[in-house]
C-alpha atoms as a PDB file:
ATOM      1  CA  MET A   1     -22.357   5.048-102.647  1.00  0.00           C
ATOM      2  CA  ASN A   2     -22.190   7.485-105.540  1.00  0.00           C
ATOM      3  CA  ARG A   3     -24.607   6.656-108.386  1.00  0.00           C
ATOM      4  CA  LYS A   4     -21.833   7.050-110.972  1.00  0.00           C
ATOM      5  CA  ILE A   5     -19.720   4.446-109.159  1.00  0.00           C
ATOM      6  CA  VAL A   6     -22.663   2.044-108.887  1.00  0.00           C
ATOM      7  CA  PHE A   7     -23.421   2.543-112.582  1.00  0.00           C
ATOM      8  CA  ALA A   8     -19.753   1.953-113.509  1.00  0.00           C
ATOM      9  CA  VAL A   9     -19.661  -1.262-111.478  1.00  0.00           C
ATOM     10  CA  ILE A  10     -22.879  -2.508-113.122  1.00  0.00           C
ATOM     11  CA  VAL A  11     -21.605  -1.676-116.618  1.00  0.00           C
ATOM     12  CA  ALA A  12     -18.245  -3.362-115.933  1.00  0.00           C
ATOM     13  CA  GLY A  13     -19.988  -6.478-114.622  1.00  0.00           C
ATOM     14  CA  ALA A  14     -22.324  -6.594-117.612  1.00  0.00           C
ATOM     15  CA  ALA A  15     -19.408  -6.204-120.005  1.00  0.00           C
ATOM     16  CA  ALA A  16     -17.599  -9.084-118.309  1.00  0.00           C
ATOM     17  CA  VAL A  17     -20.676 -11.294-118.653  1.00  0.00           C
ATOM     18  CA  LEU A  18     -21.066 -10.316-122.306  1.00  0.00           C
ATOM     19  CA  ILE A  19     -17.551 -11.455-123.107  1.00  0.00           C
ATOM     20  CA  GLY A  20     -18.168 -14.575-121.044  1.00  0.00           C
ATOM     21  CA  CYS A  21     -15.293 -14.235-118.602  1.00  0.00           C
ATOM     22  CA  THR A  22     -15.224 -12.812-115.083  1.00  0.00           C
ATOM     23  CA  PRO A  23     -13.188 -11.446-113.457  1.00  0.00           C
ATOM     24  CA  GLN A  24     -10.674 -10.006-115.910  1.00  0.00           C
ATOM     25  CA  ASP A  25      -7.592 -11.689-114.453  1.00  0.00           C
ATOM     26  CA  GLY A  26      -8.201 -14.560-116.847  1.00  0.00           C
ATOM     27  CA  GLN A  27      -8.010 -17.345-114.274  1.00  0.00           C
ATOM     28  CA  ALA A  28     -10.513 -17.330-111.427  1.00  0.00           C
ATOM     29  CA  GLY A  29     -14.227 -17.160-112.051  1.00  0.00           C
ATOM     30  CA  VAL A  30     -14.250 -18.051-115.728  1.00  0.00           C
ATOM     31  CA  PHE A  31     -17.739 -18.640-117.099  1.00  0.00           C
ATOM     32  CA  ILE A  32     -18.065 -19.739-120.701  1.00  0.00           C
ATOM     33  CA  ASP A  33     -21.487 -19.091-122.207  1.00  0.00           C
ATOM     34  CA  ALA A  34     -22.182 -21.559-125.010  1.00  0.00           C
ATOM     35  CA  THR A  35     -25.620 -20.027-125.629  1.00  0.00           C
ATOM     36  CA  ASP A  36     -24.262 -16.652-126.804  1.00  0.00           C
ATOM     37  CA  ARG A  37     -24.621 -16.988-130.586  1.00  0.00           C
ATOM     38  CA  GLN A  38     -22.234 -14.161-131.452  1.00  0.00           C
ATOM     39  CA  LEU A  39     -19.593 -15.511-129.096  1.00  0.00           C
ATOM     40  CA  VAL A  40     -20.012 -19.022-130.513  1.00  0.00           C
ATOM     41  CA  ALA A  41     -19.801 -17.767-134.117  1.00  0.00           C
ATOM     42  CA  ARG A  42     -16.584 -15.870-133.365  1.00  0.00           C
ATOM     43  CA  GLY A  43     -15.269 -18.933-131.545  1.00  0.00           C
ATOM     44  CA  ALA A  44     -15.978 -21.164-134.550  1.00  0.00           C
ATOM     45  CA  GLN A  45     -13.843 -18.916-136.764  1.00  0.00           C
ATOM     46  CA  LEU A  46     -11.037 -18.782-134.208  1.00  0.00           C
ATOM     47  CA  TYR A  47     -11.197 -22.557-133.688  1.00  0.00           C
ATOM     48  CA  ALA A  48     -10.847 -23.120-137.444  1.00  0.00           C
ATOM     49  CA  THR A  49      -7.785 -20.864-137.525  1.00  0.00           C
ATOM     50  CA  HIS A  50      -5.999 -21.894-134.328  1.00  0.00           C
ATOM     51  CA  CYS A  51      -7.236 -25.323-133.223  1.00  0.00           C
ATOM     52  CA  ALA A  52      -8.586 -27.420-136.098  1.00  0.00           C
ATOM     53  CA  ALA A  53      -5.165 -28.363-137.449  1.00  0.00           C
ATOM     54  CA  CYS A  54      -4.587 -30.536-134.368  1.00  0.00           C
ATOM     55  CA  HIS A  55      -8.030 -31.148-132.890  1.00  0.00           C
ATOM     56  CA  GLY A  56      -9.843 -31.617-136.215  1.00  0.00           C
ATOM     57  CA  ALA A  57     -12.267 -29.471-138.188  1.00  0.00           C
ATOM     58  CA  ALA A  58     -15.147 -31.453-136.682  1.00  0.00           C
ATOM     59  CA  LEU A  59     -13.550 -31.465-133.184  1.00  0.00           C
ATOM     60  CA  GLN A  60     -12.777 -35.181-133.674  1.00  0.00           C
ATOM     61  CA  GLY A  61      -9.177 -35.065-132.432  1.00  0.00           C
ATOM     62  CA  GLN A  62      -6.289 -37.068-133.822  1.00  0.00           C
ATOM     63  CA  PRO A  63      -6.558 -40.820-134.454  1.00  0.00           C
ATOM     64  CA  ASN A  64      -5.803 -43.073-131.500  1.00  0.00           C
ATOM     65  CA  TRP A  65      -5.735 -40.074-129.178  1.00  0.00           C
ATOM     66  CA  ARG A  66      -5.508 -42.291-126.089  1.00  0.00           C
ATOM     67  CA  GLU A  67      -2.386 -44.126-127.282  1.00  0.00           C
ATOM     68  CA  ARG A  68       1.027 -42.614-126.602  1.00  0.00           C
ATOM     69  CA  LEU A  69       3.196 -41.711-129.549  1.00  0.00           C
ATOM     70  CA  PRO A  70       6.819 -42.948-129.751  1.00  0.00           C
ATOM     71  CA  ASN A  71       7.917 -39.691-128.054  1.00  0.00           C
ATOM     72  CA  GLY A  72       5.650 -40.498-125.068  1.00  0.00           C
ATOM     73  CA  ARG A  73       3.173 -37.733-125.778  1.00  0.00           C
ATOM     74  CA  LEU A  74      -0.507 -38.206-126.517  1.00  0.00           C
ATOM     75  CA  PRO A  75      -2.153 -37.095-129.759  1.00  0.00           C
ATOM     76  CA  ALA A  76      -4.566 -34.161-129.613  1.00  0.00           C
ATOM     77  CA  PRO A  77      -7.843 -35.296-128.033  1.00  0.00           C
ATOM     78  CA  PRO A  78     -11.264 -34.692-129.507  1.00  0.00           C
ATOM     79  CA  HIS A  79     -13.331 -31.810-128.205  1.00  0.00           C
ATOM     80  CA  ASP A  80     -16.649 -33.280-129.294  1.00  0.00           C
ATOM     81  CA  ALA A  81     -18.761 -35.373-126.936  1.00  0.00           C
ATOM     82  CA  THR A  82     -16.586 -38.463-127.541  1.00  0.00           C
ATOM     83  CA  GLY A  83     -13.659 -36.852-125.747  1.00  0.00           C
ATOM     84  CA  HIS A  84     -13.192 -35.802-122.157  1.00  0.00           C
ATOM     85  CA  THR A  85     -13.146 -32.007-122.537  1.00  0.00           C
ATOM     86  CA  TRP A  86     -16.634 -31.752-121.078  1.00  0.00           C
ATOM     87  CA  HIS A  87     -15.420 -33.459-117.887  1.00  0.00           C
ATOM     88  CA  HIS A  88     -13.415 -30.351-116.921  1.00  0.00           C
ATOM     89  CA  PRO A  89     -14.604 -27.065-115.397  1.00  0.00           C
ATOM     90  CA  ASP A  90     -14.497 -23.819-117.355  1.00  0.00           C
ATOM     91  CA  THR A  91     -11.603 -22.472-115.285  1.00  0.00           C
ATOM     92  CA  GLN A  92      -9.431 -25.478-116.118  1.00  0.00           C
ATOM     93  CA  LEU A  93     -10.314 -25.431-119.817  1.00  0.00           C
ATOM     94  CA  PHE A  94      -9.450 -21.743-119.977  1.00  0.00           C
ATOM     95  CA  ASP A  95      -6.170 -22.339-118.131  1.00  0.00           C
ATOM     96  CA  ILE A  96      -5.167 -25.151-120.493  1.00  0.00           C
ATOM     97  CA  VAL A  97      -5.785 -23.071-123.610  1.00  0.00           C
ATOM     98  CA  LYS A  98      -4.156 -19.958-122.198  1.00  0.00           C
ATOM     99  CA  ASN A  99      -1.145 -21.594-120.530  1.00  0.00           C
ATOM    100  CA  GLY A 100      -0.850 -25.003-122.159  1.00  0.00           C
ATOM    101  CA  LEU A 101      -0.767 -28.158-120.070  1.00  0.00           C
ATOM    102  CA  VAL A 102       1.173 -27.249-116.944  1.00  0.00           C
ATOM    103  CA  PRO A 103       2.553 -30.221-114.985  1.00  0.00           C
ATOM    104  CA  GLY A 104       1.277 -30.221-111.438  1.00  0.00           C
ATOM    105  CA  ARG A 105      -1.614 -27.890-112.268  1.00  0.00           C
ATOM    106  CA  THR A 106      -3.445 -29.041-115.402  1.00  0.00           C
ATOM    107  CA  ALA A 107      -1.405 -32.149-116.135  1.00  0.00           C
ATOM    108  CA  PRO A 108       0.391 -34.809-114.087  1.00  0.00           C
ATOM    109  CA  GLU A 109       3.925 -34.024-112.927  1.00  0.00           C
ATOM    110  CA  GLY A 110       6.457 -34.766-115.629  1.00  0.00           C
ATOM    111  CA  TYR A 111       3.850 -34.750-118.409  1.00  0.00           C
ATOM    112  CA  GLU A 112       4.943 -33.273-121.724  1.00  0.00           C
ATOM    113  CA  SER A 113       2.473 -32.084-124.310  1.00  0.00           C
ATOM    114  CA  ASP A 114       2.388 -30.588-127.765  1.00  0.00           C
ATOM    115  CA  MET A 115      -0.446 -28.281-126.639  1.00  0.00           C
ATOM    116  CA  PRO A 116       0.857 -24.729-127.052  1.00  0.00           C
ATOM    117  CA  ALA A 117       0.003 -21.892-124.699  1.00  0.00           C
ATOM    118  CA  TYR A 118      -2.147 -19.262-126.388  1.00  0.00           C
ATOM    119  CA  ALA A 119      -1.310 -16.454-123.954  1.00  0.00           C
ATOM    120  CA  GLY A 120       0.157 -13.761-126.163  1.00  0.00           C
ATOM    121  CA  VAL A 121      -1.481 -15.298-129.236  1.00  0.00           C
ATOM    122  CA  LEU A 122      -5.152 -14.919-128.353  1.00  0.00           C
ATOM    123  CA  PRO A 123      -6.634 -12.425-125.892  1.00  0.00           C
ATOM    124  CA  ASP A 124      -8.698 -13.906-123.059  1.00  0.00           C
ATOM    125  CA  GLU A 125     -11.941 -12.956-124.828  1.00  0.00           C
ATOM    126  CA  ASP A 126     -10.965 -15.028-127.877  1.00  0.00           C
ATOM    127  CA  ILE A 127     -10.021 -18.024-125.729  1.00  0.00           C
ATOM    128  CA  VAL A 128     -13.455 -17.808-124.127  1.00  0.00           C
ATOM    129  CA  ALA A 129     -15.056 -17.593-127.585  1.00  0.00           C
ATOM    130  CA  VAL A 130     -13.245 -20.746-128.771  1.00  0.00           C
ATOM    131  CA  LEU A 131     -14.348 -22.635-125.678  1.00  0.00           C
ATOM    132  CA  ALA A 132     -17.921 -21.360-126.091  1.00  0.00           C
ATOM    133  CA  TYR A 133     -17.913 -22.761-129.628  1.00  0.00           C
ATOM    134  CA  ILE A 134     -16.580 -26.120-128.454  1.00  0.00           C
ATOM    135  CA  LYS A 135     -19.169 -26.334-125.670  1.00  0.00           C
ATOM    136  CA  SER A 136     -21.968 -25.365-128.073  1.00  0.00           C
ATOM    137  CA  THR A 137     -21.385 -28.556-130.062  1.00  0.00           C
ATOM    138  CA  TRP A 138     -21.935 -30.895-127.120  1.00  0.00           C
ATOM    139  CA  PRO A 139     -25.262 -32.617-126.499  1.00  0.00           C
ATOM    140  CA  GLN A 140     -27.319 -30.985-123.759  1.00  0.00           C
ATOM    141  CA  GLN A 141     -26.579 -33.789-121.294  1.00  0.00           C
ATOM    142  CA  ALA A 142     -22.802 -33.233-121.642  1.00  0.00           C
ATOM    143  CA  ARG A 143     -23.267 -29.459-121.294  1.00  0.00           C
ATOM    144  CA  ASP A 144     -25.363 -29.961-118.169  1.00  0.00           C
ATOM    145  CA  MET A 145     -22.769 -32.276-116.621  1.00  0.00           C
ATOM    146  CA  GLN A 146     -19.927 -29.882-117.487  1.00  0.00           C
ATOM    147  CA  ALA A 147     -21.882 -26.964-115.992  1.00  0.00           C
ATOM    148  CA  GLN A 148     -22.247 -28.960-112.781  1.00  0.00           C
ATOM    149  CA  VAL A 149     -18.490 -29.641-112.691  1.00  0.00           C
ATOM    150  CA  SER A 150     -17.877 -25.903-113.221  1.00  0.00           C
ATOM    151  CA  ARG A 151     -20.270 -24.966-110.399  1.00  0.00           C
ATOM    152  CA  GLU A 152     -18.599 -27.434-108.040  1.00  0.00           C
ATOM    153  CA  GLN A 153     -15.171 -26.032-108.921  1.00  0.00           C
ATOM    154  CA  ALA A 154     -16.412 -22.476-108.319  1.00  0.00           C
ATOM    155  CA  ARG A 155     -17.546 -23.423-104.793  1.00  0.00           C
ATOM    156  CA  ARG A 156     -14.032 -24.550-103.817  1.00  0.00           C
END
């Protein structure tokens, strides 16, 4: 193999790791690095702008987030350790933020949600940054468990 091609492949792979998302199709193989301080800092700013209005400035979610509203929808859940965000693999979290809750894929059939899709609003790299920020706030035990769920999902 030509050295220039090998070098290009290595650089492309490194760039993908640096932005925290591989491959670039935005769905399969998402890895969200909550230890990347620059990524987390950018994610904190983006979270404050795009997510805090519903999910809370301190990631606390809306009150009574497990109780259906009169319209049948659920309030925005917390993204801190008291919620269930850390129960889901990186690929699913990314999909939910990018595409919203999709019945039959990331939500039960017939489910309606107020969660908007951020495709077209935020590039994939910014979605990854927001999720890196969220993950960075979890206690180590929750991060470890979520990493295990992500590894299991990747094996499927």
